[in-house]
Amino acid sequence: WKNNGSKMNGSWEEIFGKGLHTDEIFMAYYFARFVDKVTE
């Protein structure tokens, strides 16, 4: 986050930069949301 400017608003690539690391962060969020709703 810091290396990409610690932005407070934007798309996934605007906040985290372009690359596989951002793909993984994006996917982690939606896997986690799915599991959280099931668990809830």
PDB file of all heavy atoms in Angstrom:
ATOM      1  N   TRP A   1       0.845  -1.213   0.000  1.00  0.00           N
ATOM      2  CA  TRP A   1       0.000   0.000   0.000  1.00  0.00           C
ATOM      3  C   TRP A   1       0.873   1.254   0.000  1.00  0.00           C
ATOM      4  O   TRP A   1       0.661   2.184  -0.783  1.00  0.00           O
ATOM      5  CB  TRP A   1      -0.924  -0.049   1.218  1.00  0.00           C
ATOM      6  CG  TRP A   1      -1.928   1.067   1.289  1.00  0.00           C
ATOM      7  CD1 TRP A   1      -2.504   1.736   0.248  1.00  0.00           C
ATOM      8  CD2 TRP A   1      -2.480   1.630   2.484  1.00  0.00           C
ATOM      9  NE1 TRP A   1      -3.390   2.676   0.712  1.00  0.00           N
ATOM     10  CE2 TRP A   1      -3.398   2.636   2.075  1.00  0.00           C
ATOM     11  CE3 TRP A   1      -2.311   1.392   3.840  1.00  0.00           C
ATOM     12  CZ2 TRP A   1      -4.121   3.398   3.000  1.00  0.00           C
ATOM     13  CZ3 TRP A   1      -3.045   2.132   4.752  1.00  0.00           C
ATOM     14  CH2 TRP A   1      -3.934   3.123   4.340  1.00  0.00           C
ATOM     15  N   LYS A   2       1.889   1.259   0.871  1.00  0.00           N
ATOM     16  CA  LYS A   2       2.766   2.425   0.989  1.00  0.00           C
ATOM     17  C   LYS A   2       3.534   2.688  -0.309  1.00  0.00           C
ATOM     18  O   LYS A   2       3.667   3.839  -0.751  1.00  0.00           O
ATOM     19  CB  LYS A   2       3.729   2.226   2.149  1.00  0.00           C
ATOM     20  CG  LYS A   2       4.631   3.429   2.430  1.00  0.00           C
ATOM     21  CD  LYS A   2       5.525   3.169   3.639  1.00  0.00           C
ATOM     22  CE  LYS A   2       6.420   4.362   3.925  1.00  0.00           C
ATOM     23  NZ  LYS A   2       7.307   4.123   5.099  1.00  0.00           N
ATOM     24  N   ASN A   3       4.033   1.629  -0.932  1.00  0.00           N
ATOM     25  CA  ASN A   3       4.815   1.790  -2.162  1.00  0.00           C
ATOM     26  C   ASN A   3       3.999   2.337  -3.316  1.00  0.00           C
ATOM     27  O   ASN A   3       4.560   2.852  -4.290  1.00  0.00           O
ATOM     28  CB  ASN A   3       5.450   0.455  -2.563  1.00  0.00           C
ATOM     29  CG  ASN A   3       6.622   0.082  -1.680  1.00  0.00           C
ATOM     30  OD1 ASN A   3       7.107   0.888  -0.885  1.00  0.00           O
ATOM     31  ND2 ASN A   3       7.082  -1.156  -1.791  1.00  0.00           N
ATOM     32  N   ASN A   4       2.683   2.211  -3.197  1.00  0.00           N
ATOM     33  CA  ASN A   4       1.818   2.738  -4.257  1.00  0.00           C
ATOM     34  C   ASN A   4       1.181   4.066  -3.855  1.00  0.00           C
ATOM     35  O   ASN A   4       0.208   4.505  -4.461  1.00  0.00           O
ATOM     36  CB  ASN A   4       0.739   1.710  -4.618  1.00  0.00           C
ATOM     37  CG  ASN A   4       0.237   1.872  -6.034  1.00  0.00           C
ATOM     38  OD1 ASN A   4       1.022   1.915  -6.986  1.00  0.00           O
ATOM     39  ND2 ASN A   4      -1.082   1.983  -6.193  1.00  0.00           N
ATOM     40  N   GLY A   5       1.719   4.696  -2.793  1.00  0.00           N
ATOM     41  CA  GLY A   5       1.274   6.040  -2.448  1.00  0.00           C
ATOM     42  C   GLY A   5       0.271   6.140  -1.325  1.00  0.00           C
ATOM     43  O   GLY A   5      -0.218   7.240  -1.030  1.00  0.00           O
ATOM     44  N   SER A   6      -0.075   5.021  -0.683  1.00  0.00           N
ATOM     45  CA  SER A   6      -1.046   5.014   0.437  1.00  0.00           C
ATOM     46  C   SER A   6      -2.325   5.751   0.069  1.00  0.00           C
ATOM     47  O   SER A   6      -2.875   6.526   0.858  1.00  0.00           O
ATOM     48  CB  SER A   6      -0.422   5.631   1.692  1.00  0.00           C
ATOM     49  OG  SER A   6       0.713   4.914   2.109  1.00  0.00           O
ATOM     50  N   LYS A   7      -2.810   5.515  -1.140  1.00  0.00           N
ATOM     51  CA  LYS A   7      -4.037   6.186  -1.602  1.00  0.00           C
ATOM     52  C   LYS A   7      -5.233   5.746  -0.772  1.00  0.00           C
ATOM     53  O   LYS A   7      -5.301   4.618  -0.291  1.00  0.00           O
ATOM     54  CB  LYS A   7      -4.278   5.884  -3.082  1.00  0.00           C
ATOM     55  CG  LYS A   7      -3.185   6.408  -4.025  1.00  0.00           C
ATOM     56  CD  LYS A   7      -3.542   6.107  -5.476  1.00  0.00           C
ATOM     57  CE  LYS A   7      -2.478   6.599  -6.435  1.00  0.00           C
ATOM     58  NZ  LYS A   7      -1.235   5.793  -6.365  1.00  0.00           N
ATOM     59  N   MET A   8      -6.198   6.619  -0.635  1.00  0.00           N
ATOM     60  CA  MET A   8      -7.368   6.375   0.210  1.00  0.00           C
ATOM     61  C   MET A   8      -8.612   6.012  -0.597  1.00  0.00           C
ATOM     62  O   MET A   8      -9.637   5.672  -0.027  1.00  0.00           O
ATOM     63  CB  MET A   8      -7.672   7.624   1.042  1.00  0.00           C
ATOM     64  CG  MET A   8      -6.463   8.215   1.747  1.00  0.00           C
ATOM     65  SD  MET A   8      -5.856   7.179   3.085  1.00  0.00           S
ATOM     66  CE  MET A   8      -7.065   7.532   4.333  1.00  0.00           C
ATOM     67  N   ASN A   9      -8.505   6.072  -1.910  1.00  0.00           N
ATOM     68  CA  ASN A   9      -9.686   5.844  -2.739  1.00  0.00           C
ATOM     69  C   ASN A   9      -9.222   5.471  -4.142  1.00  0.00           C
ATOM     70  O   ASN A   9      -8.269   6.055  -4.672  1.00  0.00           O
ATOM     71  CB  ASN A   9     -10.552   7.103  -2.794  1.00  0.00           C
ATOM     72  CG  ASN A   9     -11.855   6.872  -3.513  1.00  0.00           C
ATOM     73  OD1 ASN A   9     -12.535   5.881  -3.288  1.00  0.00           O
ATOM     74  ND2 ASN A   9     -12.208   7.791  -4.411  1.00  0.00           N
ATOM     75  N   GLY A  10      -9.884   4.460  -4.735  1.00  0.00           N
ATOM     76  CA  GLY A  10      -9.537   4.094  -6.095  1.00  0.00           C
ATOM     77  C   GLY A  10      -9.808   2.635  -6.382  1.00  0.00           C
ATOM     78  O   GLY A  10     -10.297   1.886  -5.533  1.00  0.00           O
ATOM     79  N   SER A  11      -9.500   2.229  -7.613  1.00  0.00           N
ATOM     80  CA  SER A  11      -9.675   0.837  -8.020  1.00  0.00           C
ATOM     81  C   SER A  11      -8.575  -0.020  -7.389  1.00  0.00           C
ATOM     82  O   SER A  11      -7.648   0.480  -6.750  1.00  0.00           O
ATOM     83  CB  SER A  11      -9.605   0.726  -9.542  1.00  0.00           C
ATOM     84  OG  SER A  11      -8.282   0.991  -9.984  1.00  0.00           O
ATOM     85  N   TRP A  12      -8.666  -1.318  -7.605  1.00  0.00           N
ATOM     86  CA  TRP A  12      -7.684  -2.230  -7.033  1.00  0.00           C
ATOM     87  C   TRP A  12      -6.271  -1.897  -7.518  1.00  0.00           C
ATOM     88  O   TRP A  12      -5.330  -1.859  -6.719  1.00  0.00           O
ATOM     89  CB  TRP A  12      -8.055  -3.671  -7.385  1.00  0.00           C
ATOM     90  CG  TRP A  12      -9.317  -4.108  -6.699  1.00  0.00           C
ATOM     91  CD1 TRP A  12     -10.592  -4.026  -7.192  1.00  0.00           C
ATOM     92  CD2 TRP A  12      -9.427  -4.629  -5.372  1.00  0.00           C
ATOM     93  NE1 TRP A  12     -11.496  -4.481  -6.263  1.00  0.00           N
ATOM     94  CE2 TRP A  12     -10.818  -4.864  -5.142  1.00  0.00           C
ATOM     95  CE3 TRP A  12      -8.515  -4.939  -4.367  1.00  0.00           C
ATOM     96  CZ2 TRP A  12     -11.278  -5.387  -3.936  1.00  0.00           C
ATOM     97  CZ3 TRP A  12      -8.982  -5.465  -3.167  1.00  0.00           C
ATOM     98  CH2 TRP A  12     -10.344  -5.684  -2.957  1.00  0.00           C
ATOM     99  N   GLU A  13      -6.138  -1.648  -8.799  1.00  0.00           N
ATOM    100  CA  GLU A  13      -4.804  -1.335  -9.328  1.00  0.00           C
ATOM    101  C   GLU A  13      -4.353   0.078  -8.965  1.00  0.00           C
ATOM    102  O   GLU A  13      -3.159   0.334  -8.847  1.00  0.00           O
ATOM    103  CB  GLU A  13      -4.790  -1.552 -10.840  1.00  0.00           C
ATOM    104  CG  GLU A  13      -4.880  -3.031 -11.219  1.00  0.00           C
ATOM    105  CD  GLU A  13      -4.760  -3.264 -12.708  1.00  0.00           C
ATOM    106  OE1 GLU A  13      -5.071  -2.327 -13.488  1.00  0.00           O
ATOM    107  OE2 GLU A  13      -4.372  -4.387 -13.112  1.00  0.00           O
ATOM    108  N   GLU A  14      -5.308   0.978  -8.753  1.00  0.00           N
ATOM    109  CA  GLU A  14      -4.938   2.326  -8.313  1.00  0.00           C
ATOM    110  C   GLU A  14      -4.444   2.324  -6.870  1.00  0.00           C
ATOM    111  O   GLU A  14      -3.525   3.072  -6.517  1.00  0.00           O
ATOM    112  CB  GLU A  14      -6.134   3.269  -8.465  1.00  0.00           C
ATOM    113  CG  GLU A  14      -6.461   3.607  -9.918  1.00  0.00           C
ATOM    114  CD  GLU A  14      -7.782   4.337 -10.068  1.00  0.00           C
ATOM    115  OE1 GLU A  14      -8.618   4.294  -9.133  1.00  0.00           O
ATOM    116  OE2 GLU A  14      -7.990   4.938 -11.135  1.00  0.00           O
ATOM    117  N   ILE A  15      -5.027   1.475  -6.043  1.00  0.00           N
ATOM    118  CA  ILE A  15      -4.635   1.416  -4.625  1.00  0.00           C
ATOM    119  C   ILE A  15      -3.369   0.576  -4.439  1.00  0.00           C
ATOM    120  O   ILE A  15      -2.453   0.966  -3.700  1.00  0.00           O
ATOM    121  CB  ILE A  15      -5.779   0.843  -3.764  1.00  0.00           C
ATOM    122  CG1 ILE A  15      -7.006   1.756  -3.811  1.00  0.00           C
ATOM    123  CG2 ILE A  15      -5.312   0.645  -2.309  1.00  0.00           C
ATOM    124  CD1 ILE A  15      -6.796   3.123  -3.200  1.00  0.00           C
ATOM    125  N   PHE A  16      -3.283  -0.553  -5.121  1.00  0.00           N
ATOM    126  CA  PHE A  16      -2.209  -1.508  -4.849  1.00  0.00           C
ATOM    127  C   PHE A  16      -1.205  -1.656  -5.993  1.00  0.00           C
ATOM    128  O   PHE A  16      -0.189  -2.346  -5.835  1.00  0.00           O
ATOM    129  CB  PHE A  16      -2.807  -2.885  -4.513  1.00  0.00           C
ATOM    130  CG  PHE A  16      -3.707  -2.875  -3.311  1.00  0.00           C
ATOM    131  CD1 PHE A  16      -5.081  -3.048  -3.433  1.00  0.00           C
ATOM    132  CD2 PHE A  16      -3.186  -2.663  -2.042  1.00  0.00           C
ATOM    133  CE1 PHE A  16      -5.914  -3.037  -2.318  1.00  0.00           C
ATOM    134  CE2 PHE A  16      -4.017  -2.647  -0.924  1.00  0.00           C
ATOM    135  CZ  PHE A  16      -5.381  -2.830  -1.066  1.00  0.00           C
ATOM    136  N   GLY A  17      -1.456  -1.056  -7.134  1.00  0.00           N
ATOM    137  CA  GLY A  17      -0.557  -1.189  -8.268  1.00  0.00           C
ATOM    138  C   GLY A  17      -0.920  -2.379  -9.143  1.00  0.00           C
ATOM    139  O   GLY A  17      -1.775  -3.196  -8.791  1.00  0.00           O
ATOM    140  N   LYS A  18      -0.267  -2.471 -10.278  1.00  0.00           N
ATOM    141  CA  LYS A  18      -0.527  -3.570 -11.201  1.00  0.00           C
ATOM    142  C   LYS A  18       0.409  -4.736 -10.902  1.00  0.00           C
ATOM    143  O   LYS A  18       1.577  -4.555 -10.591  1.00  0.00           O
ATOM    144  CB  LYS A  18      -0.340  -3.107 -12.642  1.00  0.00           C
ATOM    145  CG  LYS A  18      -1.375  -2.090 -13.100  1.00  0.00           C
ATOM    146  CD  LYS A  18      -1.206  -1.767 -14.578  1.00  0.00           C
ATOM    147  CE  LYS A  18      -2.292  -0.792 -15.032  1.00  0.00           C
ATOM    148  NZ  LYS A  18      -2.195  -0.492 -16.489  1.00  0.00           N
ATOM    149  N   GLY A  19      -0.143  -5.956 -11.017  1.00  0.00           N
ATOM    150  CA  GLY A  19       0.685  -7.133 -10.811  1.00  0.00           C
ATOM    151  C   GLY A  19      -0.080  -8.275 -10.168  1.00  0.00           C
ATOM    152  O   GLY A  19      -1.236  -8.114  -9.747  1.00  0.00           O
ATOM    153  N   LEU A  20       0.569  -9.425 -10.081  1.00  0.00           N
ATOM    154  CA  LEU A  20      -0.061 -10.602  -9.478  1.00  0.00           C
ATOM    155  C   LEU A  20      -0.401 -10.369  -8.015  1.00  0.00           C
ATOM    156  O   LEU A  20      -1.363 -10.939  -7.494  1.00  0.00           O
ATOM    157  CB  LEU A  20       0.874 -11.813  -9.599  1.00  0.00           C
ATOM    158  CG  LEU A  20       1.124 -12.346 -11.012  1.00  0.00           C
ATOM    159  CD1 LEU A  20       2.104 -13.522 -10.965  1.00  0.00           C
ATOM    160  CD2 LEU A  20      -0.172 -12.762 -11.688  1.00  0.00           C
ATOM    161  N   HIS A  21       0.398  -9.519  -7.339  1.00  0.00           N
ATOM    162  CA  HIS A  21       0.117  -9.243  -5.928  1.00  0.00           C
ATOM    163  C   HIS A  21      -1.258  -8.596  -5.760  1.00  0.00           C
ATOM    164  O   HIS A  21      -1.979  -8.888  -4.799  1.00  0.00           O
ATOM    165  CB  HIS A  21       1.205  -8.366  -5.322  1.00  0.00           C
ATOM    166  CG  HIS A  21       1.275  -6.994  -5.906  1.00  0.00           C
ATOM    167  ND1 HIS A  21       1.873  -6.725  -7.118  1.00  0.00           N
ATOM    168  CD2 HIS A  21       0.802  -5.786  -5.456  1.00  0.00           C
ATOM    169  CE1 HIS A  21       1.777  -5.431  -7.379  1.00  0.00           C
ATOM    170  NE2 HIS A  21       1.135  -4.844  -6.386  1.00  0.00           N
ATOM    171  N   THR A  22      -1.639  -7.727  -6.685  1.00  0.00           N
ATOM    172  CA  THR A  22      -2.951  -7.083  -6.609  1.00  0.00           C
ATOM    173  C   THR A  22      -4.050  -8.073  -6.974  1.00  0.00           C
ATOM    174  O   THR A  22      -5.130  -8.070  -6.356  1.00  0.00           O
ATOM    175  CB  THR A  22      -2.994  -5.862  -7.540  1.00  0.00           C
ATOM    176  OG1 THR A  22      -2.056  -4.902  -7.050  1.00  0.00           O
ATOM    177  CG2 THR A  22      -4.374  -5.227  -7.567  1.00  0.00           C
ATOM    178  N   ASP A  23      -3.800  -8.927  -7.965  1.00  0.00           N
ATOM    179  CA  ASP A  23      -4.773  -9.974  -8.290  1.00  0.00           C
ATOM    180  C   ASP A  23      -5.064 -10.828  -7.056  1.00  0.00           C
ATOM    181  O   ASP A  23      -6.214 -11.180  -6.775  1.00  0.00           O
ATOM    182  CB  ASP A  23      -4.221 -10.872  -9.402  1.00  0.00           C
ATOM    183  CG  ASP A  23      -4.193 -10.195 -10.762  1.00  0.00           C
ATOM    184  OD1 ASP A  23      -4.712  -9.059 -10.880  1.00  0.00           O
ATOM    185  OD2 ASP A  23      -3.650 -10.790 -11.710  1.00  0.00           O
ATOM    186  N   GLU A  24      -4.012 -11.150  -6.308  1.00  0.00           N
ATOM    187  CA  GLU A  24      -4.194 -11.996  -5.127  1.00  0.00           C
ATOM    188  C   GLU A  24      -4.946 -11.256  -4.022  1.00  0.00           C
ATOM    189  O   GLU A  24      -5.832 -11.838  -3.368  1.00  0.00           O
ATOM    190  CB  GLU A  24      -2.848 -12.483  -4.602  1.00  0.00           C
ATOM    191  CG  GLU A  24      -2.999 -13.446  -3.440  1.00  0.00           C
ATOM    192  CD  GLU A  24      -1.701 -14.042  -2.960  1.00  0.00           C
ATOM    193  OE1 GLU A  24      -0.659 -13.350  -3.009  1.00  0.00           O
ATOM    194  OE2 GLU A  24      -1.702 -15.216  -2.521  1.00  0.00           O
ATOM    195  N   ILE A  25      -4.620  -9.996  -3.798  1.00  0.00           N
ATOM    196  CA  ILE A  25      -5.323  -9.210  -2.779  1.00  0.00           C
ATOM    197  C   ILE A  25      -6.806  -9.113  -3.115  1.00  0.00           C
ATOM    198  O   ILE A  25      -7.682  -9.292  -2.255  1.00  0.00           O
ATOM    199  CB  ILE A  25      -4.688  -7.808  -2.663  1.00  0.00           C
ATOM    200  CG1 ILE A  25      -3.296  -7.902  -2.031  1.00  0.00           C
ATOM    201  CG2 ILE A  25      -5.577  -6.868  -1.850  1.00  0.00           C
ATOM    202  CD1 ILE A  25      -2.486  -6.626  -2.127  1.00  0.00           C
ATOM    203  N   PHE A  26      -7.106  -8.824  -4.375  1.00  0.00           N
ATOM    204  CA  PHE A  26      -8.494  -8.738  -4.847  1.00  0.00           C
ATOM    205  C   PHE A  26      -9.221 -10.055  -4.597  1.00  0.00           C
ATOM    206  O   PHE A  26     -10.326 -10.083  -4.048  1.00  0.00           O
ATOM    207  CB  PHE A  26      -8.475  -8.398  -6.338  1.00  0.00           C
ATOM    208  CG  PHE A  26      -9.756  -8.665  -7.074  1.00  0.00           C
ATOM    209  CD1 PHE A  26     -10.821  -7.784  -6.964  1.00  0.00           C
ATOM    210  CD2 PHE A  26      -9.892  -9.780  -7.884  1.00  0.00           C
ATOM    211  CE1 PHE A  26     -12.014  -8.027  -7.653  1.00  0.00           C
ATOM    212  CE2 PHE A  26     -11.069 -10.032  -8.571  1.00  0.00           C
ATOM    213  CZ  PHE A  26     -12.135  -9.148  -8.450  1.00  0.00           C
ATOM    214  N   MET A  27      -8.585 -11.152  -4.969  1.00  0.00           N
ATOM    215  CA  MET A  27      -9.229 -12.465  -4.840  1.00  0.00           C
ATOM    216  C   MET A  27      -9.409 -12.843  -3.369  1.00  0.00           C
ATOM    217  O   MET A  27     -10.425 -13.430  -2.991  1.00  0.00           O
ATOM    218  CB  MET A  27      -8.395 -13.513  -5.561  1.00  0.00           C
ATOM    219  CG  MET A  27      -9.140 -14.795  -5.866  1.00  0.00           C
ATOM    220  SD  MET A  27     -10.451 -14.492  -7.060  1.00  0.00           S
ATOM    221  CE  MET A  27     -11.365 -16.041  -6.918  1.00  0.00           C
ATOM    222  N   ALA A  28      -8.429 -12.499  -2.548  1.00  0.00           N
ATOM    223  CA  ALA A  28      -8.533 -12.796  -1.116  1.00  0.00           C
ATOM    224  C   ALA A  28      -9.745 -12.107  -0.509  1.00  0.00           C
ATOM    225  O   ALA A  28     -10.457 -12.698   0.318  1.00  0.00           O
ATOM    226  CB  ALA A  28      -7.258 -12.354  -0.395  1.00  0.00           C
ATOM    227  N   TYR A  29      -9.964 -10.865  -0.913  1.00  0.00           N
ATOM    228  CA  TYR A  29     -11.110 -10.127  -0.360  1.00  0.00           C
ATOM    229  C   TYR A  29     -12.420 -10.849  -0.677  1.00  0.00           C
ATOM    230  O   TYR A  29     -13.265 -11.042   0.214  1.00  0.00           O
ATOM    231  CB  TYR A  29     -11.145  -8.708  -0.911  1.00  0.00           C
ATOM    232  CG  TYR A  29     -12.363  -7.924  -0.438  1.00  0.00           C
ATOM    233  CD1 TYR A  29     -12.362  -7.302   0.797  1.00  0.00           C
ATOM    234  CD2 TYR A  29     -13.519  -7.867  -1.213  1.00  0.00           C
ATOM    235  CE1 TYR A  29     -13.485  -6.624   1.257  1.00  0.00           C
ATOM    236  CE2 TYR A  29     -14.642  -7.192  -0.766  1.00  0.00           C
ATOM    237  CZ  TYR A  29     -14.623  -6.567   0.462  1.00  0.00           C
ATOM    238  OH  TYR A  29     -15.739  -5.906   0.915  1.00  0.00           O
ATOM    239  N   TYR A  30     -12.592 -11.290  -1.914  1.00  0.00           N
ATOM    240  CA  TYR A  30     -13.878 -11.885  -2.287  1.00  0.00           C
ATOM    241  C   TYR A  30     -14.019 -13.325  -1.824  1.00  0.00           C
ATOM    242  O   TYR A  30     -15.141 -13.774  -1.522  1.00  0.00           O
ATOM    243  CB  TYR A  30     -14.112 -11.724  -3.790  1.00  0.00           C
ATOM    244  CG  TYR A  30     -14.542 -10.304  -4.102  1.00  0.00           C
ATOM    245  CD1 TYR A  30     -13.649  -9.386  -4.622  1.00  0.00           C
ATOM    246  CD2 TYR A  30     -15.825  -9.863  -3.796  1.00  0.00           C
ATOM    247  CE1 TYR A  30     -14.025  -8.073  -4.858  1.00  0.00           C
ATOM    248  CE2 TYR A  30     -16.225  -8.558  -4.033  1.00  0.00           C
ATOM    249  CZ  TYR A  30     -15.323  -7.660  -4.565  1.00  0.00           C
ATOM    250  OH  TYR A  30     -15.715  -6.352  -4.777  1.00  0.00           O
ATOM    251  N   PHE A  31     -12.923 -14.063  -1.718  1.00  0.00           N
ATOM    252  CA  PHE A  31     -13.001 -15.358  -1.037  1.00  0.00           C
ATOM    253  C   PHE A  31     -13.442 -15.153   0.413  1.00  0.00           C
ATOM    254  O   PHE A  31     -14.309 -15.868   0.929  1.00  0.00           O
ATOM    255  CB  PHE A  31     -11.630 -16.051  -1.046  1.00  0.00           C
ATOM    256  CG  PHE A  31     -11.382 -16.951  -2.224  1.00  0.00           C
ATOM    257  CD1 PHE A  31     -10.114 -16.999  -2.803  1.00  0.00           C
ATOM    258  CD2 PHE A  31     -12.370 -17.772  -2.740  1.00  0.00           C
ATOM    259  CE1 PHE A  31      -9.853 -17.848  -3.873  1.00  0.00           C
ATOM    260  CE2 PHE A  31     -12.116 -18.621  -3.814  1.00  0.00           C
ATOM    261  CZ  PHE A  31     -10.856 -18.648  -4.384  1.00  0.00           C
ATOM    262  N   ALA A  32     -12.821 -14.191   1.077  1.00  0.00           N
ATOM    263  CA  ALA A  32     -13.122 -13.943   2.492  1.00  0.00           C
ATOM    264  C   ALA A  32     -14.563 -13.490   2.684  1.00  0.00           C
ATOM    265  O   ALA A  32     -15.227 -13.904   3.643  1.00  0.00           O
ATOM    266  CB  ALA A  32     -12.155 -12.915   3.062  1.00  0.00           C
ATOM    267  N   ARG A  33     -15.071 -12.632   1.807  1.00  0.00           N
ATOM    268  CA  ARG A  33     -16.456 -12.175   1.925  1.00  0.00           C
ATOM    269  C   ARG A  33     -17.418 -13.346   1.783  1.00  0.00           C
ATOM    270  O   ARG A  33     -18.408 -13.457   2.512  1.00  0.00           O
ATOM    271  CB  ARG A  33     -16.766 -11.114   0.859  1.00  0.00           C
ATOM    272  CG  ARG A  33     -16.108  -9.782   1.077  1.00  0.00           C
ATOM    273  CD  ARG A  33     -16.485  -9.143   2.425  1.00  0.00           C
ATOM    274  NE  ARG A  33     -17.914  -8.944   2.562  1.00  0.00           N
ATOM    275  CZ  ARG A  33     -18.601  -9.251   3.652  1.00  0.00           C
ATOM    276  NH1 ARG A  33     -18.003  -9.785   4.706  1.00  0.00           N
ATOM    277  NH2 ARG A  33     -19.906  -9.010   3.699  1.00  0.00           N
ATOM    278  N   PHE A  34     -17.149 -14.227   0.824  1.00  0.00           N
ATOM    279  CA  PHE A  34     -17.992 -15.403   0.606  1.00  0.00           C
ATOM    280  C   PHE A  34     -18.024 -16.257   1.878  1.00  0.00           C
ATOM    281  O   PHE A  34     -19.106 -16.609   2.389  1.00  0.00           O
ATOM    282  CB  PHE A  34     -17.426 -16.200  -0.571  1.00  0.00           C
ATOM    283  CG  PHE A  34     -18.249 -17.371  -1.021  1.00  0.00           C
ATOM    284  CD1 PHE A  34     -18.948 -17.332  -2.219  1.00  0.00           C
ATOM    285  CD2 PHE A  34     -18.323 -18.540  -0.263  1.00  0.00           C
ATOM    286  CE1 PHE A  34     -19.703 -18.406  -2.654  1.00  0.00           C
ATOM    287  CE2 PHE A  34     -19.065 -19.631  -0.681  1.00  0.00           C
ATOM    288  CZ  PHE A  34     -19.761 -19.569  -1.887  1.00  0.00           C
ATOM    289  N   VAL A  35     -16.835 -16.592   2.388  1.00  0.00           N
ATOM    290  CA  VAL A  35     -16.757 -17.455   3.568  1.00  0.00           C
ATOM    291  C   VAL A  35     -17.391 -16.775   4.777  1.00  0.00           C
ATOM    292  O   VAL A  35     -18.043 -17.427   5.598  1.00  0.00           O
ATOM    293  CB  VAL A  35     -15.294 -17.837   3.855  1.00  0.00           C
ATOM    294  CG1 VAL A  35     -15.189 -18.645   5.144  1.00  0.00           C
ATOM    295  CG2 VAL A  35     -14.716 -18.626   2.698  1.00  0.00           C
ATOM    296  N   ASP A  36     -17.218 -15.475   4.884  1.00  0.00           N
ATOM    297  CA  ASP A  36     -17.793 -14.763   6.024  1.00  0.00           C
ATOM    298  C   ASP A  36     -19.312 -14.822   6.006  1.00  0.00           C
ATOM    299  O   ASP A  36     -19.941 -14.997   7.051  1.00  0.00           O
ATOM    300  CB  ASP A  36     -17.323 -13.312   6.028  1.00  0.00           C
ATOM    301  CG  ASP A  36     -17.721 -12.594   7.301  1.00  0.00           C
ATOM    302  OD1 ASP A  36     -17.161 -12.936   8.363  1.00  0.00           O
ATOM    303  OD2 ASP A  36     -18.612 -11.711   7.243  1.00  0.00           O
ATOM    304  N   LYS A  37     -19.902 -14.688   4.828  1.00  0.00           N
ATOM    305  CA  LYS A  37     -21.364 -14.748   4.738  1.00  0.00           C
ATOM    306  C   LYS A  37     -21.881 -16.140   5.065  1.00  0.00           C
ATOM    307  O   LYS A  37     -22.917 -16.289   5.730  1.00  0.00           O
ATOM    308  CB  LYS A  37     -21.812 -14.304   3.348  1.00  0.00           C
ATOM    309  CG  LYS A  37     -21.615 -12.816   3.087  1.00  0.00           C
ATOM    310  CD  LYS A  37     -21.953 -12.442   1.654  1.00  0.00           C
ATOM    311  CE  LYS A  37     -21.692 -10.963   1.394  1.00  0.00           C
ATOM    312  NZ  LYS A  37     -21.948 -10.588  -0.026  1.00  0.00           N
ATOM    313  N   VAL A  38     -21.169 -17.163   4.621  1.00  0.00           N
ATOM    314  CA  VAL A  38     -21.542 -18.537   4.971  1.00  0.00           C
ATOM    315  C   VAL A  38     -21.445 -18.732   6.482  1.00  0.00           C
ATOM    316  O   VAL A  38     -22.359 -19.268   7.123  1.00  0.00           O
ATOM    317  CB  VAL A  38     -20.621 -19.543   4.228  1.00  0.00           C
ATOM    318  CG1 VAL A  38     -20.840 -20.956   4.760  1.00  0.00           C
ATOM    319  CG2 VAL A  38     -20.883 -19.492   2.723  1.00  0.00           C
ATOM    320  N   THR A  39     -20.351 -18.278   7.064  1.00  0.00           N
ATOM    321  CA  THR A  39     -20.130 -18.437   8.504  1.00  0.00           C
ATOM    322  C   THR A  39     -21.151 -17.653   9.314  1.00  0.00           C
ATOM    323  O   THR A  39     -21.672 -18.144  10.323  1.00  0.00           O
ATOM    324  CB  THR A  39     -18.705 -17.972   8.870  1.00  0.00           C
ATOM    325  OG1 THR A  39     -17.763 -18.680   8.062  1.00  0.00           O
ATOM    326  CG2 THR A  39     -18.409 -18.228  10.335  1.00  0.00           C
ATOM    327  N   GLU A  40     -21.442 -16.446   8.877  1.00  0.00           N
ATOM    328  CA  GLU A  40     -22.428 -15.621   9.575  1.00  0.00           C
ATOM    329  C   GLU A  40     -23.781 -16.309   9.604  1.00  0.00           C
ATOM    330  O   GLU A  40     -24.463 -16.332  10.644  1.00  0.00           O
ATOM    331  CB  GLU A  40     -22.540 -14.265   8.890  1.00  0.00           C
ATOM    332  CG  GLU A  40     -23.533 -13.323   9.564  1.00  0.00           C
ATOM    333  CD  GLU A  40     -23.657 -11.987   8.842  1.00  0.00           C
ATOM    334  OE1 GLU A  40     -23.422 -11.950   7.609  1.00  0.00           O
ATOM    335  OE2 GLU A  40     -23.979 -10.995   9.502  1.00  0.00           O
TER     336      GLU A  40
END
